[in-house]
Amino acid sequence: MLSVLLATARTVLAAGIAGVLPLALAACGGSHAPSPAATPPSASTPAQGRHPSMSMPSMSGMPAGNGLAAQQDGYTLASHTTTLPSGTTATYRFTITAPGGRPLTDFAVNQTKQLHFYAIRSDLTGFQHVHPTMAAGGTWTARLSALEPGMWRLFTQFTPADGPGKGQDLVLSRTVTVPGPASTTALPAPSSSTTVDGYALTVRGHLKAGTTSPLTVTVRKSSMPVTDLQPYLDTYAHLTAFRQGDLAFAHLHPQNKVTGGHGGPTLDFMADLPASGNWRLFLQFQTAGTLHTASITLHVS
């Protein structure tokens, strides 16, 4: 009798394991998110135009807060424009919709402006930083200088002055295509110096992804230290950075106290770039009422 009972127990146990094992494997498989290629685009986000000779940067797996999405925390950068003309000035109209779908009209002033607008081509050329105007209903109009053919990403940076997200700095972006034959310009190699309009800029700092690191820029002209930097947007310099490949966005300001038109020669930044790779930095500064834009490639380890 004992042997019969043992045999029966073994049979039941084997059957239980056979039934449980597939369930366990299915549960393990279900814990993985579907691959980006298998995930259909959101129906709430209109399709973006693309030029056949320009590849769209991948947005999969990127950290939050890099500006590569049209939506964040219920706010949406909405526009019906997917193409802009080449070789002539262009107008881009858009709205920022708040949670609930209504256009946002109450923006906090940030560096003297309610909204900052940036345009960058997929090969990190053609940088533009402009300040759109907003109509009473919340529609913004950004006027851009002539764009080269290719794929461009357009960024908006703003802070809601009321409602959900009040006081939070947000960066949203969309892409547009500029039709025409599109050639790619190779990214200049990482360097510690650059020149613009007769000014020589030296950059020092060892940047590590996800870590706040000191970054110093020294400005000279004719080998002499520059000490007549004027305030631009309430600071002595405005630095915008984009990552090669996906165009991830970062925005930096110098720590230097503004004391009239006597800035320089050294600008001190605390840089926090979210991902490793090569970044193209665009540093804007003003002297004698003229705005200068210097560009340089830095490597982030």
C-alpha atoms as a PDB file:
ATOM      1  CA  MET A   1       0.000   0.000   0.000  1.00  0.00           C
ATOM      2  CA  LEU A   2       2.852   2.419   0.870  1.00  0.00           C
ATOM      3  CA  SER A   3       4.513   1.876  -2.517  1.00  0.00           C
ATOM      4  CA  VAL A   4       1.240   2.642  -4.297  1.00  0.00           C
ATOM      5  CA  LEU A   5       0.803   5.885  -2.362  1.00  0.00           C
ATOM      6  CA  LEU A   6       4.398   6.980  -3.147  1.00  0.00           C
ATOM      7  CA  ALA A   7       3.918   6.257  -6.864  1.00  0.00           C
ATOM      8  CA  THR A   8       0.703   8.256  -6.901  1.00  0.00           C
ATOM      9  CA  ALA A   9       2.374  11.220  -5.167  1.00  0.00           C
ATOM     10  CA  ARG A  10       5.210  11.220  -7.681  1.00  0.00           C
ATOM     11  CA  THR A  11       2.744  11.278 -10.572  1.00  0.00           C
ATOM     12  CA  VAL A  12       0.798  14.229  -9.104  1.00  0.00           C
ATOM     13  CA  LEU A  13       3.992  16.176  -8.380  1.00  0.00           C
ATOM     14  CA  ALA A  14       5.303  15.708 -11.924  1.00  0.00           C
ATOM     15  CA  ALA A  15       2.020  16.866 -13.405  1.00  0.00           C
ATOM     16  CA  GLY A  16       2.006  19.966 -11.189  1.00  0.00           C
ATOM     17  CA  ILE A  17       5.537  20.935 -12.244  1.00  0.00           C
ATOM     18  CA  ALA A  18       4.690  20.428 -15.900  1.00  0.00           C
ATOM     19  CA  GLY A  19       1.691  22.759 -15.557  1.00  0.00           C
ATOM     20  CA  VAL A  20       3.431  25.433 -13.491  1.00  0.00           C
ATOM     21  CA  LEU A  21       6.628  25.680 -15.581  1.00  0.00           C
ATOM     22  CA  PRO A  22       5.004  27.150 -18.723  1.00  0.00           C
ATOM     23  CA  LEU A  23       3.160  29.683 -16.571  1.00  0.00           C
ATOM     24  CA  ALA A  24       6.398  30.745 -14.897  1.00  0.00           C
ATOM     25  CA  LEU A  25       8.142  31.145 -18.248  1.00  0.00           C
ATOM     26  CA  ALA A  26       5.213  33.141 -19.615  1.00  0.00           C
ATOM     27  CA  ALA A  27       5.326  35.436 -16.590  1.00  0.00           C
ATOM     28  CA  CYS A  28       9.066  36.012 -17.092  1.00  0.00           C
ATOM     29  CA  GLY A  29       8.512  36.804 -20.755  1.00  0.00           C
ATOM     30  CA  GLY A  30       5.694  39.194 -19.895  1.00  0.00           C
ATOM     31  CA  SER A  31       7.972  41.275 -17.677  1.00  0.00           C
ATOM     32  CA  HIS A  32       9.890  42.581 -20.705  1.00  0.00           C
ATOM     33  CA  ALA A  33       8.597  45.690 -22.468  1.00  0.00           C
ATOM     34  CA  PRO A  34       7.973  45.278 -26.187  1.00  0.00           C
ATOM     35  CA  SER A  35      10.765  46.470 -28.420  1.00  0.00           C
ATOM     36  CA  PRO A  36      10.420  50.010 -29.797  1.00  0.00           C
ATOM     37  CA  ALA A  37      10.055  48.610 -33.306  1.00  0.00           C
ATOM     38  CA  ALA A  38       7.026  46.588 -32.256  1.00  0.00           C
ATOM     39  CA  THR A  39       5.342  49.482 -30.459  1.00  0.00           C
ATOM     40  CA  PRO A  40       3.031  51.527 -32.696  1.00  0.00           C
ATOM     41  CA  PRO A  41       3.284  55.329 -32.535  1.00  0.00           C
ATOM     42  CA  SER A  42       0.873  57.101 -30.253  1.00  0.00           C
ATOM     43  CA  ALA A  43      -2.321  58.134 -31.968  1.00  0.00           C
ATOM     44  CA  SER A  44      -2.194  61.438 -30.099  1.00  0.00           C
ATOM     45  CA  THR A  45       1.131  62.422 -31.701  1.00  0.00           C
ATOM     46  CA  PRO A  46       0.925  63.418 -35.372  1.00  0.00           C
ATOM     47  CA  ALA A  47       3.406  61.741 -37.701  1.00  0.00           C
ATOM     48  CA  GLN A  48       6.567  63.700 -38.348  1.00  0.00           C
ATOM     49  CA  GLY A  49       7.761  64.428 -41.884  1.00  0.00           C
ATOM     50  CA  ARG A  50      11.155  63.094 -42.890  1.00  0.00           C
ATOM     51  CA  HIS A  51      13.383  63.474 -45.901  1.00  0.00           C
ATOM     52  CA  PRO A  52      14.415  60.184 -47.543  1.00  0.00           C
ATOM     53  CA  SER A  53      18.094  61.094 -47.495  1.00  0.00           C
ATOM     54  CA  MET A  54      18.096  62.118 -43.832  1.00  0.00           C
ATOM     55  CA  SER A  55      17.701  59.506 -41.099  1.00  0.00           C
ATOM     56  CA  MET A  56      15.457  60.255 -38.125  1.00  0.00           C
ATOM     57  CA  PRO A  57      17.353  60.197 -34.786  1.00  0.00           C
ATOM     58  CA  SER A  58      16.271  57.342 -32.570  1.00  0.00           C
ATOM     59  CA  MET A  59      14.324  58.372 -29.473  1.00  0.00           C
ATOM     60  CA  SER A  60      14.164  54.930 -27.856  1.00  0.00           C
ATOM     61  CA  GLY A  61      15.824  54.384 -24.504  1.00  0.00           C
ATOM     62  CA  MET A  62      16.780  58.013 -23.941  1.00  0.00           C
ATOM     63  CA  PRO A  63      16.638  59.438 -20.419  1.00  0.00           C
ATOM     64  CA  ALA A  64      13.779  61.751 -19.445  1.00  0.00           C
ATOM     65  CA  GLY A  65      14.322  65.474 -19.660  1.00  0.00           C
ATOM     66  CA  ASN A  66      16.432  65.568 -22.843  1.00  0.00           C
ATOM     67  CA  GLY A  67      13.835  67.514 -24.833  1.00  0.00           C
ATOM     68  CA  LEU A  68      13.280  64.813 -27.453  1.00  0.00           C
ATOM     69  CA  ALA A  69       9.535  64.438 -26.880  1.00  0.00           C
ATOM     70  CA  ALA A  70       6.577  66.573 -27.956  1.00  0.00           C
ATOM     71  CA  GLN A  71       4.765  65.733 -24.699  1.00  0.00           C
ATOM     72  CA  GLN A  72       5.780  65.872 -21.039  1.00  0.00           C
ATOM     73  CA  ASP A  73       3.732  65.927 -17.839  1.00  0.00           C
ATOM     74  CA  GLY A  74       0.529  66.631 -19.759  1.00  0.00           C
ATOM     75  CA  TYR A  75       1.986  69.518 -21.785  1.00  0.00           C
ATOM     76  CA  THR A  76       2.197  69.169 -25.574  1.00  0.00           C
ATOM     77  CA  LEU A  77       3.971  71.062 -28.318  1.00  0.00           C
ATOM     78  CA  ALA A  78       1.278  71.064 -31.034  1.00  0.00           C
ATOM     79  CA  SER A  79       1.747  72.145 -34.644  1.00  0.00           C
ATOM     80  CA  HIS A  80       0.310  71.198 -38.023  1.00  0.00           C
ATOM     81  CA  THR A  81       3.567  72.148 -39.753  1.00  0.00           C
ATOM     82  CA  THR A  82       5.778  69.256 -40.835  1.00  0.00           C
ATOM     83  CA  THR A  83       7.744  70.971 -43.641  1.00  0.00           C
ATOM     84  CA  LEU A  84       9.412  74.376 -43.986  1.00  0.00           C
ATOM     85  CA  PRO A  85      10.842  75.974 -47.141  1.00  0.00           C
ATOM     86  CA  SER A  86      14.574  76.083 -47.854  1.00  0.00           C
ATOM     87  CA  GLY A  87      16.682  79.076 -48.790  1.00  0.00           C
ATOM     88  CA  THR A  88      14.291  81.703 -47.445  1.00  0.00           C
ATOM     89  CA  THR A  89      12.936  82.942 -44.143  1.00  0.00           C
ATOM     90  CA  ALA A  90      10.394  80.559 -42.642  1.00  0.00           C
ATOM     91  CA  THR A  91       7.524  80.891 -40.188  1.00  0.00           C
ATOM     92  CA  TYR A  92       6.668  78.129 -37.719  1.00  0.00           C
ATOM     93  CA  ARG A  93       3.398  78.357 -35.779  1.00  0.00           C
ATOM     94  CA  PHE A  94       2.587  76.231 -32.747  1.00  0.00           C
ATOM     95  CA  THR A  95       0.777  76.095 -29.441  1.00  0.00           C
ATOM     96  CA  ILE A  96       1.660  74.670 -26.057  1.00  0.00           C
ATOM     97  CA  THR A  97      -1.369  72.788 -24.753  1.00  0.00           C
ATOM     98  CA  ALA A  98      -1.763  72.261 -21.018  1.00  0.00           C
ATOM     99  CA  PRO A  99      -3.153  69.153 -19.292  1.00  0.00           C
ATOM    100  CA  GLY A 100      -6.793  69.055 -20.384  1.00  0.00           C
ATOM    101  CA  GLY A 101      -6.040  70.190 -23.938  1.00  0.00           C
ATOM    102  CA  ARG A 102      -6.436  73.963 -23.706  1.00  0.00           C
ATOM    103  CA  PRO A 103      -3.667  76.225 -25.093  1.00  0.00           C
ATOM    104  CA  LEU A 104      -1.371  77.496 -22.354  1.00  0.00           C
ATOM    105  CA  THR A 105      -1.266  81.299 -22.266  1.00  0.00           C
ATOM    106  CA  ASP A 106       0.255  81.985 -18.857  1.00  0.00           C
ATOM    107  CA  PHE A 107       4.047  81.619 -19.065  1.00  0.00           C
ATOM    108  CA  ALA A 108       6.614  82.657 -16.482  1.00  0.00           C
ATOM    109  CA  VAL A 109       9.366  84.985 -17.644  1.00  0.00           C
ATOM    110  CA  ASN A 110      12.668  83.114 -17.871  1.00  0.00           C
ATOM    111  CA  GLN A 111      15.779  85.088 -18.814  1.00  0.00           C
ATOM    112  CA  THR A 112      13.620  88.036 -19.907  1.00  0.00           C
ATOM    113  CA  LYS A 113      11.489  85.853 -22.241  1.00  0.00           C
ATOM    114  CA  GLN A 114       8.330  83.755 -21.855  1.00  0.00           C
ATOM    115  CA  LEU A 115       9.552  81.129 -24.296  1.00  0.00           C
ATOM    116  CA  HIS A 116      12.871  80.265 -25.931  1.00  0.00           C
ATOM    117  CA  PHE A 117      12.890  78.543 -29.329  1.00  0.00           C
ATOM    118  CA  TYR A 118      15.797  76.637 -30.874  1.00  0.00           C
ATOM    119  CA  ALA A 119      16.332  75.068 -34.294  1.00  0.00           C
ATOM    120  CA  ILE A 120      19.088  72.565 -35.083  1.00  0.00           C
ATOM    121  CA  ARG A 121      19.717  70.432 -38.176  1.00  0.00           C
ATOM    122  CA  SER A 122      20.251  66.702 -37.740  1.00  0.00           C
ATOM    123  CA  ASP A 123      24.007  67.048 -38.398  1.00  0.00           C
ATOM    124  CA  LEU A 124      24.250  69.762 -35.697  1.00  0.00           C
ATOM    125  CA  THR A 125      24.575  72.653 -38.153  1.00  0.00           C
ATOM    126  CA  GLY A 126      22.377  75.700 -38.684  1.00  0.00           C
ATOM    127  CA  PHE A 127      21.748  76.501 -35.005  1.00  0.00           C
ATOM    128  CA  GLN A 128      19.191  79.245 -34.371  1.00  0.00           C
ATOM    129  CA  HIS A 129      17.929  80.665 -31.081  1.00  0.00           C
ATOM    130  CA  VAL A 130      14.921  82.961 -31.495  1.00  0.00           C
ATOM    131  CA  HIS A 131      12.108  84.331 -29.371  1.00  0.00           C
ATOM    132  CA  PRO A 132       8.624  83.842 -30.844  1.00  0.00           C
ATOM    133  CA  THR A 133       5.623  86.073 -30.279  1.00  0.00           C
ATOM    134  CA  MET A 134       2.334  84.783 -28.837  1.00  0.00           C
ATOM    135  CA  ALA A 135      -1.137  85.811 -29.984  1.00  0.00           C
ATOM    136  CA  ALA A 136      -3.967  86.256 -27.484  1.00  0.00           C
ATOM    137  CA  GLY A 137      -5.298  82.722 -28.061  1.00  0.00           C
ATOM    138  CA  GLY A 138      -1.980  81.054 -27.290  1.00  0.00           C
ATOM    139  CA  THR A 139      -0.611  80.559 -30.820  1.00  0.00           C
ATOM    140  CA  TRP A 140       3.102  81.249 -31.070  1.00  0.00           C
ATOM    141  CA  THR A 141       4.887  82.413 -34.237  1.00  0.00           C
ATOM    142  CA  ALA A 142       8.620  81.736 -34.630  1.00  0.00           C
ATOM    143  CA  ARG A 143      10.444  83.385 -37.524  1.00  0.00           C
ATOM    144  CA  LEU A 144      13.518  81.529 -38.704  1.00  0.00           C
ATOM    145  CA  SER A 145      16.358  82.484 -41.016  1.00  0.00           C
ATOM    146  CA  ALA A 146      16.891  80.453 -44.190  1.00  0.00           C
ATOM    147  CA  LEU A 147      17.145  76.706 -43.513  1.00  0.00           C
ATOM    148  CA  GLU A 148      19.230  74.182 -45.422  1.00  0.00           C
ATOM    149  CA  PRO A 149      17.455  71.062 -46.767  1.00  0.00           C
ATOM    150  CA  GLY A 150      17.307  68.149 -44.358  1.00  0.00           C
ATOM    151  CA  MET A 151      15.666  67.142 -41.092  1.00  0.00           C
ATOM    152  CA  TRP A 152      15.482  69.768 -38.335  1.00  0.00           C
ATOM    153  CA  ARG A 153      14.428  69.524 -34.720  1.00  0.00           C
ATOM    154  CA  LEU A 154      12.645  72.502 -33.194  1.00  0.00           C
ATOM    155  CA  PHE A 155      12.784  72.950 -29.405  1.00  0.00           C
ATOM    156  CA  THR A 156      10.616  75.061 -27.108  1.00  0.00           C
ATOM    157  CA  GLN A 157      11.741  75.887 -23.573  1.00  0.00           C
ATOM    158  CA  PHE A 158       9.219  77.416 -21.172  1.00  0.00           C
ATOM    159  CA  THR A 159       7.876  77.475 -17.613  1.00  0.00           C
ATOM    160  CA  PRO A 160       4.132  77.394 -16.830  1.00  0.00           C
ATOM    161  CA  ALA A 161       3.194  80.283 -14.553  1.00  0.00           C
ATOM    162  CA  ASP A 162       0.052  78.588 -13.269  1.00  0.00           C
ATOM    163  CA  GLY A 163      -1.737  75.253 -13.078  1.00  0.00           C
ATOM    164  CA  PRO A 164      -0.092  71.794 -13.115  1.00  0.00           C
ATOM    165  CA  GLY A 165       3.651  72.031 -13.494  1.00  0.00           C
ATOM    166  CA  LYS A 166       3.748  75.621 -12.256  1.00  0.00           C
ATOM    167  CA  GLY A 167       7.364  76.739 -11.994  1.00  0.00           C
ATOM    168  CA  GLN A 168       8.738  73.654 -13.778  1.00  0.00           C
ATOM    169  CA  ASP A 169      11.155  74.243 -16.643  1.00  0.00           C
ATOM    170  CA  LEU A 170       9.991  72.178 -19.648  1.00  0.00           C
ATOM    171  CA  VAL A 171      11.605  71.453 -23.005  1.00  0.00           C
ATOM    172  CA  LEU A 172       9.470  69.997 -25.816  1.00  0.00           C
ATOM    173  CA  SER A 173      10.390  69.446 -29.461  1.00  0.00           C
ATOM    174  CA  ARG A 174       9.141  68.303 -32.844  1.00  0.00           C
ATOM    175  CA  THR A 175      10.823  67.638 -36.179  1.00  0.00           C
ATOM    176  CA  VAL A 176      10.241  69.247 -39.547  1.00  0.00           C
ATOM    177  CA  THR A 177      11.609  68.493 -42.996  1.00  0.00           C
ATOM    178  CA  VAL A 178      13.118  71.081 -45.284  1.00  0.00           C
ATOM    179  CA  PRO A 179      12.763  69.593 -48.788  1.00  0.00           C
ATOM    180  CA  GLY A 180      15.640  69.500 -51.244  1.00  0.00           C
ATOM    181  CA  PRO A 181      18.965  67.719 -51.793  1.00  0.00           C
ATOM    182  CA  ALA A 182      20.383  67.230 -48.308  1.00  0.00           C
ATOM    183  CA  SER A 183      24.091  66.750 -47.724  1.00  0.00           C
ATOM    184  CA  THR A 184      25.583  65.986 -44.314  1.00  0.00           C
ATOM    185  CA  THR A 185      28.363  68.025 -42.734  1.00  0.00           C
ATOM    186  CA  ALA A 186      30.791  66.021 -40.621  1.00  0.00           C
ATOM    187  CA  LEU A 187      30.875  66.999 -36.961  1.00  0.00           C
ATOM    188  CA  PRO A 188      34.156  68.776 -36.095  1.00  0.00           C
ATOM    189  CA  ALA A 189      36.365  66.763 -33.751  1.00  0.00           C
ATOM    190  CA  PRO A 190      36.319  67.536 -30.021  1.00  0.00           C
ATOM    191  CA  SER A 191      38.519  70.509 -29.219  1.00  0.00           C
ATOM    192  CA  SER A 192      39.439  72.848 -26.390  1.00  0.00           C
ATOM    193  CA  SER A 193      39.316  76.057 -28.429  1.00  0.00           C
ATOM    194  CA  THR A 194      37.323  77.842 -31.102  1.00  0.00           C
ATOM    195  CA  THR A 195      37.052  81.275 -32.701  1.00  0.00           C
ATOM    196  CA  VAL A 196      34.203  83.551 -33.795  1.00  0.00           C
ATOM    197  CA  ASP A 197      34.213  87.140 -35.108  1.00  0.00           C
ATOM    198  CA  GLY A 198      37.835  87.659 -34.054  1.00  0.00           C
ATOM    199  CA  TYR A 199      37.293  86.271 -30.538  1.00  0.00           C
ATOM    200  CA  ALA A 200      39.220  83.234 -29.314  1.00  0.00           C
ATOM    201  CA  LEU A 201      37.503  80.971 -26.769  1.00  0.00           C
ATOM    202  CA  THR A 202      39.277  78.354 -24.675  1.00  0.00           C
ATOM    203  CA  VAL A 203      37.214  75.670 -22.945  1.00  0.00           C
ATOM    204  CA  ARG A 204      38.440  73.655 -19.965  1.00  0.00           C
ATOM    205  CA  GLY A 205      36.666  70.857 -18.141  1.00  0.00           C
ATOM    206  CA  HIS A 206      36.369  67.077 -17.959  1.00  0.00           C
ATOM    207  CA  LEU A 207      32.715  66.191 -18.373  1.00  0.00           C
ATOM    208  CA  LYS A 208      31.147  62.945 -17.248  1.00  0.00           C
ATOM    209  CA  ALA A 209      27.589  61.954 -18.169  1.00  0.00           C
ATOM    210  CA  GLY A 210      25.019  62.442 -15.429  1.00  0.00           C
ATOM    211  CA  THR A 211      27.479  64.260 -13.183  1.00  0.00           C
ATOM    212  CA  THR A 212      27.677  67.979 -12.531  1.00  0.00           C
ATOM    213  CA  SER A 213      31.150  69.120 -13.550  1.00  0.00           C
ATOM    214  CA  PRO A 214      32.835  72.541 -13.729  1.00  0.00           C
ATOM    215  CA  LEU A 215      33.295  73.967 -17.218  1.00  0.00           C
ATOM    216  CA  THR A 216      35.288  77.155 -17.810  1.00  0.00           C
ATOM    217  CA  VAL A 217      35.290  79.319 -20.931  1.00  0.00           C
ATOM    218  CA  THR A 218      37.903  82.058 -21.359  1.00  0.00           C
ATOM    219  CA  VAL A 219      37.352  84.772 -23.983  1.00  0.00           C
ATOM    220  CA  ARG A 220      40.234  86.681 -25.624  1.00  0.00           C
ATOM    221  CA  LYS A 221      40.638  89.033 -28.564  1.00  0.00           C
ATOM    222  CA  SER A 222      44.001  89.800 -30.165  1.00  0.00           C
ATOM    223  CA  SER A 223      45.537  87.707 -27.345  1.00  0.00           C
ATOM    224  CA  MET A 224      44.110  90.110 -24.760  1.00  0.00           C
ATOM    225  CA  PRO A 225      41.525  89.096 -22.118  1.00  0.00           C
ATOM    226  CA  VAL A 226      38.033  90.331 -22.952  1.00  0.00           C
ATOM    227  CA  THR A 227      36.422  92.231 -20.085  1.00  0.00           C
ATOM    228  CA  ASP A 228      33.571  94.031 -21.862  1.00  0.00           C
ATOM    229  CA  LEU A 229      31.003  91.247 -22.158  1.00  0.00           C
ATOM    230  CA  GLN A 230      27.524  92.724 -21.946  1.00  0.00           C
ATOM    231  CA  PRO A 231      24.484  91.043 -20.369  1.00  0.00           C
ATOM    232  CA  TYR A 232      22.525  88.926 -22.832  1.00  0.00           C
ATOM    233  CA  LEU A 233      19.221  87.580 -21.517  1.00  0.00           C
ATOM    234  CA  ASP A 234      20.264  88.634 -17.998  1.00  0.00           C
ATOM    235  CA  THR A 235      23.555  86.719 -18.083  1.00  0.00           C
ATOM    236  CA  TYR A 236      27.009  87.048 -19.675  1.00  0.00           C
ATOM    237  CA  ALA A 237      26.558  84.011 -21.913  1.00  0.00           C
ATOM    238  CA  HIS A 238      23.915  81.587 -23.091  1.00  0.00           C
ATOM    239  CA  LEU A 239      25.095  78.042 -23.807  1.00  0.00           C
ATOM    240  CA  THR A 240      22.975  75.446 -25.616  1.00  0.00           C
ATOM    241  CA  ALA A 241      24.221  71.900 -26.224  1.00  0.00           C
ATOM    242  CA  PHE A 242      23.006  69.081 -28.486  1.00  0.00           C
ATOM    243  CA  ARG A 243      24.219  65.471 -28.523  1.00  0.00           C
ATOM    244  CA  GLN A 244      25.465  63.945 -31.765  1.00  0.00           C
ATOM    245  CA  GLY A 245      23.113  61.275 -33.103  1.00  0.00           C
ATOM    246  CA  ASP A 246      19.863  61.939 -31.231  1.00  0.00           C
ATOM    247  CA  LEU A 247      20.006  65.742 -30.698  1.00  0.00           C
ATOM    248  CA  ALA A 248      19.408  65.484 -26.939  1.00  0.00           C
ATOM    249  CA  PHE A 249      19.171  68.978 -25.468  1.00  0.00           C
ATOM    250  CA  ALA A 250      20.959  70.716 -22.602  1.00  0.00           C
ATOM    251  CA  HIS A 251      20.960  74.356 -21.536  1.00  0.00           C
ATOM    252  CA  LEU A 252      23.608  76.026 -19.359  1.00  0.00           C
ATOM    253  CA  HIS A 253      24.233  79.462 -17.865  1.00  0.00           C
ATOM    254  CA  PRO A 254      27.413  80.888 -16.333  1.00  0.00           C
ATOM    255  CA  GLN A 255      27.589  81.259 -12.579  1.00  0.00           C
ATOM    256  CA  ASN A 256      29.230  84.689 -12.854  1.00  0.00           C
ATOM    257  CA  LYS A 257      27.396  87.553 -11.193  1.00  0.00           C
ATOM    258  CA  VAL A 258      26.212  90.167 -13.694  1.00  0.00           C
ATOM    259  CA  THR A 259      27.622  93.632 -12.907  1.00  0.00           C
ATOM    260  CA  GLY A 260      26.943  95.698 -15.998  1.00  0.00           C
ATOM    261  CA  GLY A 261      28.929  95.554 -19.241  1.00  0.00           C
ATOM    262  CA  HIS A 262      32.165  94.358 -17.702  1.00  0.00           C
ATOM    263  CA  GLY A 263      31.902  90.562 -17.966  1.00  0.00           C
ATOM    264  CA  GLY A 264      34.783  88.260 -18.747  1.00  0.00           C
ATOM    265  CA  PRO A 265      37.284  87.093 -19.515  1.00  0.00           C
ATOM    266  CA  THR A 266      36.286  83.896 -17.680  1.00  0.00           C
ATOM    267  CA  LEU A 267      32.838  82.307 -17.660  1.00  0.00           C
ATOM    268  CA  ASP A 268      32.198  79.551 -15.126  1.00  0.00           C
ATOM    269  CA  PHE A 269      29.538  76.893 -15.761  1.00  0.00           C
ATOM    270  CA  MET A 270      28.349  73.864 -13.848  1.00  0.00           C
ATOM    271  CA  ALA A 271      27.622  71.405 -16.653  1.00  0.00           C
ATOM    272  CA  ASP A 272      25.314  68.403 -16.295  1.00  0.00           C
ATOM    273  CA  LEU A 273      24.994  66.603 -19.627  1.00  0.00           C
ATOM    274  CA  PRO A 274      22.785  63.517 -19.356  1.00  0.00           C
ATOM    275  CA  ALA A 275      24.491  61.091 -21.762  1.00  0.00           C
ATOM    276  CA  SER A 276      27.974  60.247 -22.987  1.00  0.00           C
ATOM    277  CA  GLY A 277      29.167  60.977 -26.512  1.00  0.00           C
ATOM    278  CA  ASN A 278      30.075  64.038 -28.548  1.00  0.00           C
ATOM    279  CA  TRP A 279      28.101  67.207 -27.863  1.00  0.00           C
ATOM    280  CA  ARG A 280      28.010  70.348 -29.993  1.00  0.00           C
ATOM    281  CA  LEU A 281      27.962  73.468 -27.820  1.00  0.00           C
ATOM    282  CA  PHE A 282      26.722  76.862 -29.011  1.00  0.00           C
ATOM    283  CA  LEU A 283      27.845  79.730 -26.791  1.00  0.00           C
ATOM    284  CA  GLN A 284      26.254  83.139 -27.319  1.00  0.00           C
ATOM    285  CA  PHE A 285      27.741  86.306 -25.867  1.00  0.00           C
ATOM    286  CA  GLN A 286      27.403  90.018 -26.571  1.00  0.00           C
ATOM    287  CA  THR A 287      29.909  92.865 -26.957  1.00  0.00           C
ATOM    288  CA  ALA A 288      29.229  96.445 -28.068  1.00  0.00           C
ATOM    289  CA  GLY A 289      25.619  95.527 -28.835  1.00  0.00           C
ATOM    290  CA  THR A 290      26.568  92.685 -31.195  1.00  0.00           C
ATOM    291  CA  LEU A 291      25.623  89.076 -30.483  1.00  0.00           C
ATOM    292  CA  HIS A 292      28.256  86.437 -31.257  1.00  0.00           C
ATOM    293  CA  THR A 293      27.648  82.682 -31.501  1.00  0.00           C
ATOM    294  CA  ALA A 294      30.619  80.366 -31.079  1.00  0.00           C
ATOM    295  CA  SER A 295      30.407  76.597 -31.560  1.00  0.00           C
ATOM    296  CA  ILE A 296      32.629  73.788 -30.329  1.00  0.00           C
ATOM    297  CA  THR A 297      32.515  70.010 -29.951  1.00  0.00           C
ATOM    298  CA  LEU A 298      33.150  68.479 -26.529  1.00  0.00           C
ATOM    299  CA  HIS A 299      33.319  64.803 -25.605  1.00  0.00           C
ATOM    300  CA  VAL A 300      31.406  63.594 -22.551  1.00  0.00           C
ATOM    301  CA  SER A 301      32.682  60.330 -21.070  1.00  0.00           C
END
